[in-house]
């Protein structure tokens, strides 16, 4: 588990394709590797990766076909800047929100607007994930915990403050760029509780259902 509070950024320095998947190496001068060991999890642009090899300032991980199918890693090239966060500890401050590191989909930046010292980022949300995105709710973009400030049609708006922009890859966002999206996992579990064993495609979470189950 993670919090969505980015600890450092790293650079994708190596991609090694295999017969059915690939491995990668990420190097970082700013991530503290002193307590990292083989088998640990590191969220990389919001994707939970398992450390399979380790150096003083780098780690290596394998990417399965499932990960490649659901994320943008198959399109990344060496030199790509990556947001990094080590798995949380019982003593970690939960400054963001609970993040699993399991990407739900990909969102596309529609426009970026300057607002004082901050930036307003507008993103197109995938239709199948829109029901999990709520105004003033939490969302994870490339591993960064953020608050949804507005919903309009098929778009949602985020506000990026200077500190977040300076310490993450979000400073590079521009129209047309794609990012990893993880919705609030509590929304997914709530849906599962409400719908039982039926899939979301067969039964959505309606206002009537919430009322029937005593949530409203």
N, C-alpha and C. Protein backbone atom coordinates (compact mmCIF):
# COMPACT_ATOMS: atom_id res chain seq x y z
N UNK A 1 0.83 -1.20 0.00
CA UNK A 1 0.00 0.00 0.00
C UNK A 1 0.87 1.25 0.00
N UNK A 2 0.29 2.33 -0.53
CA UNK A 2 1.01 3.60 -0.65
C UNK A 2 0.07 4.73 -0.23
N UNK A 3 0.62 5.96 -0.21
CA UNK A 3 -0.18 7.11 0.19
C UNK A 3 -0.38 8.11 -0.95
N UNK A 4 0.37 7.97 -2.03
CA UNK A 4 0.29 8.93 -3.12
C UNK A 4 1.11 10.18 -2.87
N UNK A 5 1.94 10.17 -1.82
CA UNK A 5 2.85 11.28 -1.56
C UNK A 5 4.21 10.88 -2.12
N UNK A 6 4.61 11.51 -3.21
CA UNK A 6 5.82 11.12 -3.93
C UNK A 6 7.07 11.46 -3.11
N UNK A 7 7.97 10.48 -3.00
CA UNK A 7 9.20 10.68 -2.24
C UNK A 7 10.35 11.20 -3.09
N UNK A 8 10.35 10.83 -4.35
CA UNK A 8 11.45 11.21 -5.23
C UNK A 8 11.05 10.92 -6.67
N UNK A 9 11.84 11.38 -7.59
CA UNK A 9 11.67 11.00 -8.99
C UNK A 9 12.91 10.22 -9.43
N UNK A 10 12.74 9.40 -10.44
CA UNK A 10 13.84 8.63 -10.98
C UNK A 10 13.79 8.64 -12.50
N UNK A 11 14.80 8.08 -13.11
CA UNK A 11 14.88 8.05 -14.56
C UNK A 11 14.89 6.60 -15.03
N UNK A 12 14.06 6.30 -16.01
CA UNK A 12 14.07 4.98 -16.61
C UNK A 12 15.33 4.86 -17.46
N UNK A 13 16.28 4.04 -17.02
CA UNK A 13 17.58 3.97 -17.69
C UNK A 13 17.76 2.72 -18.53
N UNK A 14 16.88 1.74 -18.34
CA UNK A 14 17.04 0.50 -19.10
C UNK A 14 15.72 -0.22 -19.25
N UNK A 15 15.44 -0.70 -20.46
CA UNK A 15 14.30 -1.55 -20.76
C UNK A 15 14.82 -2.81 -21.42
N UNK A 16 14.48 -3.96 -20.87
CA UNK A 16 14.98 -5.23 -21.40
C UNK A 16 13.81 -6.13 -21.78
N UNK A 17 13.47 -6.18 -23.08
CA UNK A 17 12.36 -7.04 -23.52
C UNK A 17 12.73 -8.51 -23.39
N UNK A 18 11.73 -9.33 -23.02
CA UNK A 18 11.88 -10.77 -22.98
C UNK A 18 10.85 -11.37 -23.94
N UNK A 19 10.73 -12.66 -23.95
CA UNK A 19 9.84 -13.32 -24.91
C UNK A 19 8.40 -12.85 -24.75
N UNK A 20 7.94 -12.75 -23.52
CA UNK A 20 6.53 -12.41 -23.31
C UNK A 20 6.32 -11.19 -22.43
N UNK A 21 7.38 -10.62 -21.88
CA UNK A 21 7.24 -9.46 -21.01
C UNK A 21 8.52 -8.63 -21.07
N UNK A 22 8.77 -7.80 -20.07
CA UNK A 22 10.02 -7.04 -20.05
C UNK A 22 10.40 -6.70 -18.63
N UNK A 23 11.65 -6.32 -18.46
CA UNK A 23 12.13 -5.82 -17.17
C UNK A 23 12.68 -4.42 -17.39
N UNK A 24 12.77 -3.66 -16.31
CA UNK A 24 13.26 -2.29 -16.43
C UNK A 24 14.15 -1.95 -15.25
N UNK A 25 14.92 -0.91 -15.43
CA UNK A 25 15.77 -0.40 -14.36
C UNK A 25 15.51 1.10 -14.21
N UNK A 26 15.29 1.54 -12.98
CA UNK A 26 15.05 2.95 -12.67
C UNK A 26 16.14 3.43 -11.73
N UNK A 27 16.77 4.54 -12.09
CA UNK A 27 17.85 5.12 -11.29
C UNK A 27 17.37 6.42 -10.66
N UNK A 28 17.73 6.62 -9.38
CA UNK A 28 17.34 7.85 -8.70
C UNK A 28 18.44 8.30 -7.75
N UNK A 29 18.79 9.58 -7.83
CA UNK A 29 19.78 10.15 -6.92
C UNK A 29 19.13 10.64 -5.63
N UNK A 30 17.80 10.70 -5.59
CA UNK A 30 17.13 11.33 -4.46
C UNK A 30 16.31 10.35 -3.62
N UNK A 31 16.02 9.15 -4.12
CA UNK A 31 15.29 8.18 -3.32
C UNK A 31 16.25 7.51 -2.33
N UNK A 32 15.82 7.37 -1.08
CA UNK A 32 16.63 6.72 -0.05
C UNK A 32 16.51 5.20 -0.20
N UNK A 33 17.57 4.55 -0.68
CA UNK A 33 17.57 3.11 -0.89
C UNK A 33 18.10 2.33 0.31
N UNK A 34 18.43 3.03 1.40
CA UNK A 34 19.10 2.37 2.52
C UNK A 34 18.24 1.29 3.17
N UNK A 35 16.91 1.44 3.10
CA UNK A 35 16.04 0.45 3.73
C UNK A 35 15.28 -0.40 2.72
N UNK A 36 15.70 -0.33 1.45
CA UNK A 36 15.04 -1.12 0.40
C UNK A 36 15.75 -2.46 0.27
N UNK A 37 14.97 -3.52 0.13
CA UNK A 37 15.55 -4.86 -0.06
C UNK A 37 14.81 -5.58 -1.17
N UNK A 38 15.38 -6.68 -1.64
CA UNK A 38 14.75 -7.47 -2.69
C UNK A 38 13.35 -7.91 -2.25
N UNK A 39 12.40 -7.80 -3.15
CA UNK A 39 11.02 -8.18 -2.85
C UNK A 39 10.16 -7.04 -2.36
N UNK A 40 10.78 -5.90 -2.05
CA UNK A 40 10.00 -4.74 -1.62
C UNK A 40 9.21 -4.18 -2.79
N UNK A 41 8.19 -3.39 -2.47
CA UNK A 41 7.37 -2.74 -3.49
C UNK A 41 7.71 -1.25 -3.58
N UNK A 42 7.82 -0.76 -4.80
CA UNK A 42 8.02 0.67 -5.06
C UNK A 42 7.02 1.09 -6.12
N UNK A 43 6.18 2.07 -5.80
CA UNK A 43 5.23 2.59 -6.77
C UNK A 43 5.99 3.47 -7.76
N UNK A 44 5.85 3.15 -9.03
CA UNK A 44 6.57 3.86 -10.09
C UNK A 44 5.54 4.42 -11.06
N UNK A 45 5.36 5.74 -11.03
CA UNK A 45 4.27 6.39 -11.77
C UNK A 45 2.93 5.73 -11.42
N UNK A 46 2.81 5.37 -10.14
CA UNK A 46 1.56 4.82 -9.65
C UNK A 46 1.39 3.33 -9.83
N UNK A 47 2.39 2.65 -10.38
CA UNK A 47 2.33 1.21 -10.61
C UNK A 47 3.17 0.50 -9.57
N UNK A 48 2.57 -0.40 -8.81
CA UNK A 48 3.30 -1.15 -7.79
C UNK A 48 4.23 -2.16 -8.45
N UNK A 49 5.54 -1.96 -8.28
CA UNK A 49 6.54 -2.86 -8.87
C UNK A 49 7.34 -3.52 -7.76
N UNK A 50 7.71 -4.77 -7.99
CA UNK A 50 8.49 -5.54 -7.02
C UNK A 50 9.96 -5.46 -7.37
N UNK A 51 10.79 -5.11 -6.40
CA UNK A 51 12.23 -4.98 -6.62
C UNK A 51 12.84 -6.37 -6.82
N UNK A 52 13.46 -6.60 -7.98
CA UNK A 52 14.09 -7.89 -8.28
C UNK A 52 15.61 -7.81 -8.29
N UNK A 53 16.15 -6.62 -8.38
CA UNK A 53 17.59 -6.39 -8.30
C UNK A 53 17.78 -4.97 -7.79
N UNK A 54 18.93 -4.72 -7.16
CA UNK A 54 19.08 -3.47 -6.42
C UNK A 54 20.53 -3.01 -6.40
N UNK A 55 20.71 -1.70 -6.53
CA UNK A 55 22.02 -1.08 -6.39
C UNK A 55 21.95 0.08 -5.43
N UNK A 56 23.01 0.84 -5.33
CA UNK A 56 23.03 1.97 -4.40
C UNK A 56 22.04 3.07 -4.78
N UNK A 57 21.79 3.22 -6.08
CA UNK A 57 20.90 4.28 -6.53
C UNK A 57 19.96 3.81 -7.63
N UNK A 58 19.67 2.51 -7.69
CA UNK A 58 18.79 2.00 -8.72
C UNK A 58 18.09 0.72 -8.25
N UNK A 59 17.00 0.41 -8.93
CA UNK A 59 16.35 -0.88 -8.71
C UNK A 59 15.82 -1.41 -10.04
N UNK A 60 15.63 -2.69 -10.08
CA UNK A 60 15.14 -3.36 -11.27
C UNK A 60 13.83 -4.06 -10.94
N UNK A 61 12.92 -4.15 -11.91
CA UNK A 61 11.63 -4.80 -11.70
C UNK A 61 11.18 -5.45 -13.00
N UNK A 62 10.32 -6.45 -12.86
CA UNK A 62 9.73 -7.13 -14.01
C UNK A 62 8.32 -6.62 -14.24
N UNK A 63 7.92 -6.53 -15.51
CA UNK A 63 6.58 -6.11 -15.87
C UNK A 63 5.88 -7.26 -16.60
N UNK A 64 4.79 -7.73 -16.08
CA UNK A 64 4.04 -8.82 -16.70
C UNK A 64 3.21 -8.29 -17.87
N UNK A 65 2.64 -9.21 -18.64
CA UNK A 65 1.76 -8.81 -19.73
C UNK A 65 0.56 -8.03 -19.22
N UNK A 66 0.04 -8.43 -18.04
CA UNK A 66 -1.10 -7.73 -17.45
C UNK A 66 -0.74 -6.28 -17.16
N UNK A 67 0.43 -6.05 -16.59
CA UNK A 67 0.87 -4.68 -16.30
C UNK A 67 1.06 -3.89 -17.59
N UNK A 68 1.67 -4.51 -18.58
CA UNK A 68 1.90 -3.82 -19.85
C UNK A 68 0.59 -3.48 -20.54
N UNK A 69 -0.42 -4.34 -20.40
CA UNK A 69 -1.71 -4.10 -21.05
C UNK A 69 -2.49 -2.97 -20.39
N UNK A 70 -2.28 -2.77 -19.09
CA UNK A 70 -3.08 -1.79 -18.35
C UNK A 70 -2.38 -0.47 -18.10
N UNK A 71 -1.10 -0.39 -18.42
CA UNK A 71 -0.34 0.82 -18.13
C UNK A 71 0.34 1.35 -19.39
N UNK A 72 1.05 2.46 -19.22
CA UNK A 72 1.75 3.10 -20.33
C UNK A 72 3.20 2.65 -20.45
N UNK A 73 3.64 1.72 -19.57
CA UNK A 73 5.04 1.35 -19.56
C UNK A 73 5.50 0.76 -20.89
N UNK A 74 4.61 0.14 -21.61
CA UNK A 74 4.98 -0.41 -22.92
C UNK A 74 5.34 0.66 -23.94
N UNK A 75 4.95 1.92 -23.64
CA UNK A 75 5.23 3.03 -24.56
C UNK A 75 6.37 3.92 -24.05
N UNK A 76 6.82 3.68 -22.82
CA UNK A 76 7.90 4.50 -22.28
C UNK A 76 9.21 4.19 -22.98
N UNK A 77 10.08 5.18 -22.99
CA UNK A 77 11.42 5.02 -23.53
C UNK A 77 12.43 5.41 -22.46
N UNK A 78 13.67 5.00 -22.63
CA UNK A 78 14.70 5.38 -21.66
C UNK A 78 14.79 6.90 -21.60
N UNK A 79 15.02 7.41 -20.40
CA UNK A 79 15.04 8.85 -20.18
C UNK A 79 13.74 9.37 -19.58
N UNK A 80 12.70 8.51 -19.56
CA UNK A 80 11.41 8.89 -18.98
C UNK A 80 11.57 9.17 -17.49
N UNK A 81 11.03 10.30 -17.03
CA UNK A 81 11.05 10.64 -15.62
C UNK A 81 9.89 9.93 -14.92
N UNK A 82 10.16 9.33 -13.75
CA UNK A 82 9.19 8.48 -13.06
C UNK A 82 9.00 8.96 -11.62
N UNK A 83 7.75 9.06 -11.18
CA UNK A 83 7.45 9.34 -9.77
C UNK A 83 7.67 8.07 -8.95
N UNK A 84 8.31 8.21 -7.78
CA UNK A 84 8.63 7.05 -6.95
C UNK A 84 8.11 7.23 -5.53
N UNK A 85 7.57 6.12 -4.99
CA UNK A 85 7.15 6.09 -3.59
C UNK A 85 7.34 4.67 -3.06
N UNK A 86 8.05 4.55 -1.95
CA UNK A 86 8.20 3.25 -1.30
C UNK A 86 6.91 2.90 -0.56
N UNK A 87 6.70 1.60 -0.34
CA UNK A 87 5.49 1.15 0.36
C UNK A 87 5.44 1.76 1.75
N UNK A 88 4.22 2.07 2.22
CA UNK A 88 4.08 2.71 3.52
C UNK A 88 4.35 1.73 4.65
N UNK A 89 4.76 2.27 5.78
CA UNK A 89 4.98 1.51 7.01
C UNK A 89 3.85 1.81 7.99
N UNK A 90 3.69 0.98 9.04
CA UNK A 90 2.65 1.27 10.04
C UNK A 90 2.81 2.65 10.69
N UNK A 91 4.04 3.18 10.66
CA UNK A 91 4.31 4.48 11.29
C UNK A 91 4.24 5.64 10.30
N UNK A 92 3.95 5.33 9.02
CA UNK A 92 3.93 6.37 8.00
C UNK A 92 2.73 7.29 8.19
N UNK A 93 2.97 8.59 8.04
CA UNK A 93 1.85 9.53 8.05
C UNK A 93 1.06 9.38 6.76
N UNK A 94 -0.25 9.26 6.88
CA UNK A 94 -1.09 9.10 5.70
C UNK A 94 -1.46 10.48 5.18
N UNK A 95 -0.50 11.11 4.53
CA UNK A 95 -0.70 12.48 4.07
C UNK A 95 -1.58 12.57 2.84
N UNK A 96 -1.67 11.48 2.07
CA UNK A 96 -2.52 11.48 0.88
C UNK A 96 -3.78 10.67 1.16
N UNK A 97 -3.92 9.54 0.44
CA UNK A 97 -5.00 8.61 0.72
C UNK A 97 -4.48 7.20 0.42
N UNK A 98 -5.24 6.19 0.77
CA UNK A 98 -4.78 4.81 0.55
C UNK A 98 -4.74 4.50 -0.94
N UNK A 99 -3.56 4.11 -1.40
CA UNK A 99 -3.33 3.83 -2.83
C UNK A 99 -2.78 2.42 -2.95
N UNK A 100 -3.33 1.64 -3.86
CA UNK A 100 -2.91 0.24 -4.00
C UNK A 100 -1.76 0.06 -4.97
N UNK A 101 -1.60 1.02 -5.90
CA UNK A 101 -0.58 0.84 -6.94
C UNK A 101 -1.05 -0.03 -8.08
N UNK A 102 -2.37 -0.27 -8.16
CA UNK A 102 -2.97 -1.04 -9.25
C UNK A 102 -3.72 -0.07 -10.16
N UNK A 103 -3.19 0.17 -11.33
CA UNK A 103 -3.75 1.18 -12.24
C UNK A 103 -5.10 0.72 -12.78
N UNK A 104 -6.09 1.61 -12.73
CA UNK A 104 -7.43 1.30 -13.23
C UNK A 104 -7.59 1.64 -14.70
N UNK A 105 -6.85 2.63 -15.16
CA UNK A 105 -6.99 3.05 -16.55
C UNK A 105 -6.06 4.20 -16.87
N UNK A 106 -6.26 4.75 -18.04
CA UNK A 106 -5.43 5.84 -18.53
C UNK A 106 -6.33 7.04 -18.83
N UNK A 107 -5.92 8.21 -18.34
CA UNK A 107 -6.64 9.45 -18.62
C UNK A 107 -5.77 10.32 -19.52
N UNK A 108 -6.42 11.19 -20.28
CA UNK A 108 -5.71 12.07 -21.21
C UNK A 108 -5.91 13.52 -20.81
N UNK A 109 -4.82 14.26 -20.73
CA UNK A 109 -4.89 15.69 -20.40
C UNK A 109 -5.52 16.43 -21.57
N UNK A 110 -6.59 17.18 -21.30
CA UNK A 110 -7.25 17.94 -22.36
C UNK A 110 -6.73 19.37 -22.45
N UNK A 111 -6.41 19.95 -21.28
CA UNK A 111 -5.81 21.29 -21.31
C UNK A 111 -5.19 21.60 -19.95
N UNK A 112 -4.27 22.57 -19.96
CA UNK A 112 -3.59 23.02 -18.75
C UNK A 112 -3.69 24.54 -18.70
N UNK A 113 -4.13 25.07 -17.57
CA UNK A 113 -4.28 26.51 -17.42
C UNK A 113 -3.54 26.99 -16.18
N UNK A 114 -2.82 28.10 -16.31
CA UNK A 114 -2.13 28.71 -15.18
C UNK A 114 -3.15 29.46 -14.34
N UNK A 115 -3.06 29.33 -13.02
CA UNK A 115 -3.97 30.01 -12.10
C UNK A 115 -3.16 30.51 -10.92
N UNK A 116 -2.72 31.76 -10.99
CA UNK A 116 -1.81 32.28 -9.97
C UNK A 116 -0.51 31.51 -10.03
N UNK A 117 -0.08 30.94 -8.89
CA UNK A 117 1.14 30.13 -8.88
C UNK A 117 0.84 28.64 -9.12
N UNK A 118 -0.45 28.32 -9.23
CA UNK A 118 -0.85 26.92 -9.42
C UNK A 118 -1.23 26.67 -10.87
N UNK A 119 -1.53 25.40 -11.16
CA UNK A 119 -1.97 25.00 -12.48
C UNK A 119 -3.29 24.25 -12.35
N UNK A 120 -4.21 24.53 -13.26
CA UNK A 120 -5.45 23.78 -13.35
C UNK A 120 -5.30 22.76 -14.48
N UNK A 121 -5.42 21.50 -14.13
CA UNK A 121 -5.23 20.42 -15.10
C UNK A 121 -6.59 19.77 -15.38
N UNK A 122 -7.00 19.74 -16.64
CA UNK A 122 -8.25 19.12 -17.04
C UNK A 122 -7.94 17.80 -17.75
N UNK A 123 -8.62 16.75 -17.33
CA UNK A 123 -8.37 15.44 -17.90
C UNK A 123 -9.67 14.78 -18.35
N UNK A 124 -9.61 14.06 -19.48
CA UNK A 124 -10.72 13.25 -19.95
C UNK A 124 -10.70 11.94 -19.19
N UNK A 125 -11.82 11.60 -18.56
CA UNK A 125 -11.86 10.36 -17.79
C UNK A 125 -12.46 9.23 -18.63
N UNK A 126 -11.93 8.02 -18.48
CA UNK A 126 -12.50 6.87 -19.18
C UNK A 126 -13.95 6.68 -18.75
N UNK A 127 -14.83 6.38 -19.69
CA UNK A 127 -16.26 6.27 -19.39
C UNK A 127 -16.54 5.23 -18.32
N UNK A 128 -15.80 4.12 -18.33
CA UNK A 128 -16.08 3.05 -17.38
C UNK A 128 -15.61 3.36 -15.97
N UNK A 129 -14.83 4.44 -15.80
CA UNK A 129 -14.34 4.81 -14.47
C UNK A 129 -15.00 6.07 -13.92
N UNK A 130 -15.82 6.72 -14.74
CA UNK A 130 -16.38 8.01 -14.33
C UNK A 130 -17.23 7.91 -13.07
N UNK A 131 -17.90 6.76 -12.86
CA UNK A 131 -18.77 6.63 -11.69
C UNK A 131 -17.99 6.56 -10.38
N UNK A 132 -16.68 6.31 -10.46
CA UNK A 132 -15.86 6.23 -9.24
C UNK A 132 -15.22 7.58 -8.90
N UNK A 133 -15.38 8.56 -9.76
CA UNK A 133 -14.72 9.85 -9.58
C UNK A 133 -15.74 10.86 -9.06
N UNK A 134 -15.46 11.43 -7.88
CA UNK A 134 -16.41 12.34 -7.24
C UNK A 134 -15.74 13.68 -6.93
N UNK A 135 -16.51 14.75 -7.05
CA UNK A 135 -15.99 16.07 -6.70
C UNK A 135 -15.57 16.09 -5.24
N UNK A 136 -14.37 16.60 -4.99
CA UNK A 136 -13.71 16.65 -3.69
C UNK A 136 -13.30 15.26 -3.19
N UNK A 137 -13.38 14.27 -4.07
CA UNK A 137 -12.88 12.95 -3.74
C UNK A 137 -11.41 12.82 -4.09
N UNK A 138 -10.81 11.71 -3.70
CA UNK A 138 -9.39 11.48 -3.96
C UNK A 138 -9.19 10.70 -5.25
N UNK A 139 -8.08 10.98 -5.92
CA UNK A 139 -7.72 10.26 -7.13
C UNK A 139 -6.20 10.25 -7.23
N UNK A 140 -5.67 9.26 -7.92
CA UNK A 140 -4.21 9.16 -8.08
C UNK A 140 -3.85 9.31 -9.55
N UNK A 141 -2.96 10.25 -9.84
CA UNK A 141 -2.49 10.50 -11.20
C UNK A 141 -0.99 10.25 -11.25
N UNK A 142 -0.57 9.24 -12.01
CA UNK A 142 0.85 8.86 -12.07
C UNK A 142 1.44 8.72 -10.67
N UNK A 143 0.63 8.16 -9.77
CA UNK A 143 1.12 7.89 -8.42
C UNK A 143 0.95 9.02 -7.43
N UNK A 144 0.45 10.18 -7.88
CA UNK A 144 0.31 11.36 -7.02
C UNK A 144 -1.12 11.46 -6.50
N UNK A 145 -1.28 11.51 -5.18
CA UNK A 145 -2.59 11.67 -4.56
C UNK A 145 -3.07 13.11 -4.75
N UNK A 146 -4.26 13.26 -5.36
CA UNK A 146 -4.81 14.58 -5.64
C UNK A 146 -6.29 14.61 -5.33
N UNK A 147 -6.83 15.82 -5.25
CA UNK A 147 -8.26 16.01 -5.00
C UNK A 147 -8.95 16.47 -6.28
N UNK A 148 -10.07 15.83 -6.59
CA UNK A 148 -10.88 16.24 -7.75
C UNK A 148 -11.63 17.51 -7.37
N UNK A 149 -11.36 18.59 -8.06
CA UNK A 149 -11.97 19.87 -7.71
C UNK A 149 -13.22 20.20 -8.50
N UNK A 150 -13.40 19.53 -9.65
CA UNK A 150 -14.58 19.82 -10.46
C UNK A 150 -14.82 18.68 -11.43
N UNK A 151 -16.11 18.40 -11.67
CA UNK A 151 -16.52 17.43 -12.68
C UNK A 151 -17.43 18.13 -13.67
N UNK A 152 -17.08 18.00 -14.96
CA UNK A 152 -17.90 18.61 -16.01
C UNK A 152 -17.95 17.65 -17.19
N UNK A 153 -19.12 17.07 -17.41
CA UNK A 153 -19.24 16.13 -18.52
C UNK A 153 -18.30 14.96 -18.35
N UNK A 154 -17.43 14.76 -19.34
CA UNK A 154 -16.48 13.64 -19.28
C UNK A 154 -15.10 14.10 -18.83
N UNK A 155 -15.02 15.29 -18.21
CA UNK A 155 -13.75 15.83 -17.73
C UNK A 155 -13.76 16.01 -16.22
N UNK A 156 -12.58 15.97 -15.63
CA UNK A 156 -12.43 16.39 -14.24
C UNK A 156 -11.23 17.31 -14.14
N UNK A 157 -11.27 18.19 -13.13
CA UNK A 157 -10.21 19.20 -12.97
C UNK A 157 -9.45 18.99 -11.68
N UNK A 158 -8.13 19.12 -11.78
CA UNK A 158 -7.23 19.03 -10.64
C UNK A 158 -6.46 20.34 -10.51
N UNK A 159 -6.12 20.70 -9.28
CA UNK A 159 -5.27 21.86 -9.05
C UNK A 159 -3.92 21.39 -8.55
N UNK A 160 -2.87 21.78 -9.26
CA UNK A 160 -1.51 21.37 -8.91
C UNK A 160 -0.78 22.57 -8.30
N UNK A 161 -0.43 22.48 -7.03
CA UNK A 161 0.27 23.58 -6.36
C UNK A 161 1.75 23.52 -6.74
N UNK A 162 2.48 24.63 -6.58
CA UNK A 162 3.89 24.67 -7.01
C UNK A 162 4.75 23.57 -6.42
N UNK A 163 4.60 23.25 -5.13
CA UNK A 163 5.44 22.23 -4.50
C UNK A 163 5.25 20.88 -5.19
N UNK A 164 4.00 20.51 -5.44
CA UNK A 164 3.73 19.23 -6.11
C UNK A 164 4.31 19.22 -7.51
N UNK A 165 4.15 20.31 -8.23
CA UNK A 165 4.69 20.39 -9.59
C UNK A 165 6.20 20.25 -9.60
N UNK A 166 6.86 20.90 -8.65
CA UNK A 166 8.32 20.90 -8.63
C UNK A 166 8.92 19.56 -8.24
N UNK A 167 8.19 18.75 -7.48
CA UNK A 167 8.74 17.51 -6.95
C UNK A 167 8.17 16.25 -7.60
N UNK A 168 7.40 16.42 -8.66
CA UNK A 168 6.84 15.28 -9.37
C UNK A 168 6.94 15.51 -10.88
N UNK A 169 6.48 14.53 -11.62
CA UNK A 169 6.47 14.65 -13.08
C UNK A 169 5.29 15.48 -13.58
N UNK A 170 4.40 15.90 -12.68
CA UNK A 170 3.22 16.65 -13.11
C UNK A 170 3.58 18.00 -13.72
N UNK A 171 4.78 18.47 -13.45
CA UNK A 171 5.22 19.74 -14.05
C UNK A 171 5.31 19.64 -15.56
N UNK A 172 5.37 18.42 -16.10
CA UNK A 172 5.53 18.23 -17.54
C UNK A 172 4.20 17.96 -18.25
N UNK A 173 3.09 18.01 -17.52
CA UNK A 173 1.82 17.72 -18.15
C UNK A 173 1.44 18.80 -19.16
N UNK A 174 0.93 18.34 -20.29
CA UNK A 174 0.43 19.23 -21.33
C UNK A 174 -0.67 18.51 -22.09
N UNK A 175 -1.44 19.26 -22.87
CA UNK A 175 -2.57 18.68 -23.59
C UNK A 175 -2.10 17.50 -24.45
N UNK A 176 -2.85 16.41 -24.38
CA UNK A 176 -2.54 15.22 -25.16
C UNK A 176 -1.74 14.17 -24.42
N UNK A 177 -1.12 14.56 -23.31
CA UNK A 177 -0.32 13.60 -22.55
C UNK A 177 -1.23 12.63 -21.80
N UNK A 178 -0.84 11.37 -21.74
CA UNK A 178 -1.61 10.36 -21.03
C UNK A 178 -0.96 10.05 -19.69
N UNK A 179 -1.80 9.73 -18.70
CA UNK A 179 -1.32 9.47 -17.35
C UNK A 179 -2.04 8.25 -16.78
N UNK A 180 -1.39 7.59 -15.82
CA UNK A 180 -2.02 6.48 -15.11
C UNK A 180 -3.06 7.02 -14.14
N UNK A 181 -4.17 6.32 -14.06
CA UNK A 181 -5.28 6.74 -13.21
C UNK A 181 -5.65 5.60 -12.27
N UNK A 182 -5.68 5.89 -10.97
CA UNK A 182 -6.21 4.94 -9.98
C UNK A 182 -7.29 5.63 -9.18
N UNK A 183 -8.49 5.09 -9.25
CA UNK A 183 -9.60 5.69 -8.50
C UNK A 183 -9.48 5.30 -7.03
N UNK A 184 -10.27 5.96 -6.20
CA UNK A 184 -10.27 5.68 -4.77
C UNK A 184 -10.73 4.24 -4.55
N UNK A 185 -9.88 3.43 -3.95
CA UNK A 185 -10.21 2.01 -3.80
C UNK A 185 -11.42 1.79 -2.90
N UNK A 186 -11.73 2.74 -2.00
CA UNK A 186 -12.91 2.60 -1.15
C UNK A 186 -14.19 2.61 -2.00
N UNK A 187 -14.17 3.36 -3.11
CA UNK A 187 -15.34 3.40 -4.00
C UNK A 187 -15.54 2.04 -4.65
N UNK A 188 -14.45 1.39 -5.00
CA UNK A 188 -14.56 0.07 -5.64
C UNK A 188 -15.09 -0.97 -4.64
N UNK A 189 -14.60 -0.95 -3.42
CA UNK A 189 -15.06 -1.91 -2.42
C UNK A 189 -16.52 -1.65 -2.06
N UNK A 190 -16.91 -0.38 -2.00
CA UNK A 190 -18.29 -0.05 -1.71
C UNK A 190 -19.21 -0.59 -2.80
N UNK A 191 -18.79 -0.43 -4.04
CA UNK A 191 -19.59 -0.97 -5.15
C UNK A 191 -19.73 -2.48 -5.04
N UNK A 192 -18.64 -3.16 -4.70
CA UNK A 192 -18.68 -4.61 -4.56
C UNK A 192 -19.64 -5.04 -3.45
N UNK A 193 -19.61 -4.32 -2.34
CA UNK A 193 -20.52 -4.62 -1.24
C UNK A 193 -21.98 -4.41 -1.63
N UNK A 194 -22.23 -3.36 -2.40
CA UNK A 194 -23.59 -3.03 -2.77
C UNK A 194 -24.15 -3.96 -3.84
N UNK A 195 -23.30 -4.37 -4.77
CA UNK A 195 -23.78 -5.16 -5.90
C UNK A 195 -23.63 -6.65 -5.68
N UNK A 196 -22.97 -7.05 -4.59
CA UNK A 196 -22.79 -8.48 -4.33
C UNK A 196 -21.88 -9.10 -5.37
N UNK A 197 -22.31 -10.22 -5.95
CA UNK A 197 -21.47 -10.93 -6.92
C UNK A 197 -21.72 -10.49 -8.35
N UNK A 198 -22.62 -9.54 -8.55
CA UNK A 198 -22.86 -9.07 -9.90
C UNK A 198 -21.76 -8.12 -10.32
N UNK A 199 -21.40 -8.14 -11.58
CA UNK A 199 -20.36 -7.27 -12.09
C UNK A 199 -20.91 -5.87 -12.28
N UNK A 200 -20.06 -4.84 -12.25
CA UNK A 200 -20.53 -3.47 -12.44
C UNK A 200 -21.28 -3.30 -13.76
N UNK A 201 -20.90 -4.07 -14.80
CA UNK A 201 -21.56 -3.93 -16.10
C UNK A 201 -23.02 -4.37 -16.02
N UNK A 202 -23.32 -5.32 -15.12
CA UNK A 202 -24.68 -5.82 -15.00
C UNK A 202 -25.51 -4.99 -14.04
N UNK A 203 -24.87 -4.40 -13.05
CA UNK A 203 -25.62 -3.62 -12.06
C UNK A 203 -24.75 -2.49 -11.55
N UNK A 204 -25.11 -1.24 -11.90
CA UNK A 204 -24.37 -0.10 -11.41
C UNK A 204 -24.84 0.28 -10.02
N UNK A 205 -24.10 1.18 -9.39
CA UNK A 205 -24.50 1.66 -8.07
C UNK A 205 -25.41 2.86 -8.28
N UNK A 206 -26.71 2.67 -8.05
CA UNK A 206 -27.68 3.74 -8.26
C UNK A 206 -28.04 4.39 -6.94
N UNK A 207 -28.70 5.54 -7.02
CA UNK A 207 -29.18 6.23 -5.82
C UNK A 207 -30.17 5.35 -5.08
N UNK A 208 -31.05 4.67 -5.83
CA UNK A 208 -32.04 3.80 -5.21
C UNK A 208 -31.38 2.66 -4.42
N UNK A 209 -30.31 2.10 -5.01
CA UNK A 209 -29.62 0.99 -4.34
C UNK A 209 -28.95 1.47 -3.06
N UNK A 210 -28.36 2.65 -3.09
CA UNK A 210 -27.75 3.21 -1.89
C UNK A 210 -28.79 3.40 -0.78
N UNK A 211 -29.97 3.85 -1.19
CA UNK A 211 -31.04 4.06 -0.22
C UNK A 211 -31.52 2.73 0.36
N UNK A 212 -31.64 1.73 -0.52
CA UNK A 212 -32.09 0.40 -0.07
C UNK A 212 -31.13 -0.20 0.94
N UNK A 213 -29.84 0.02 0.74
CA UNK A 213 -28.85 -0.58 1.63
C UNK A 213 -28.57 0.28 2.87
N UNK A 214 -29.30 1.39 3.01
CA UNK A 214 -29.18 2.19 4.22
C UNK A 214 -28.03 3.17 4.24
N UNK A 215 -27.42 3.45 3.05
CA UNK A 215 -26.31 4.40 3.03
C UNK A 215 -26.81 5.83 2.89
N UNK A 216 -28.07 6.00 2.50
CA UNK A 216 -28.63 7.33 2.36
C UNK A 216 -29.93 7.42 3.16
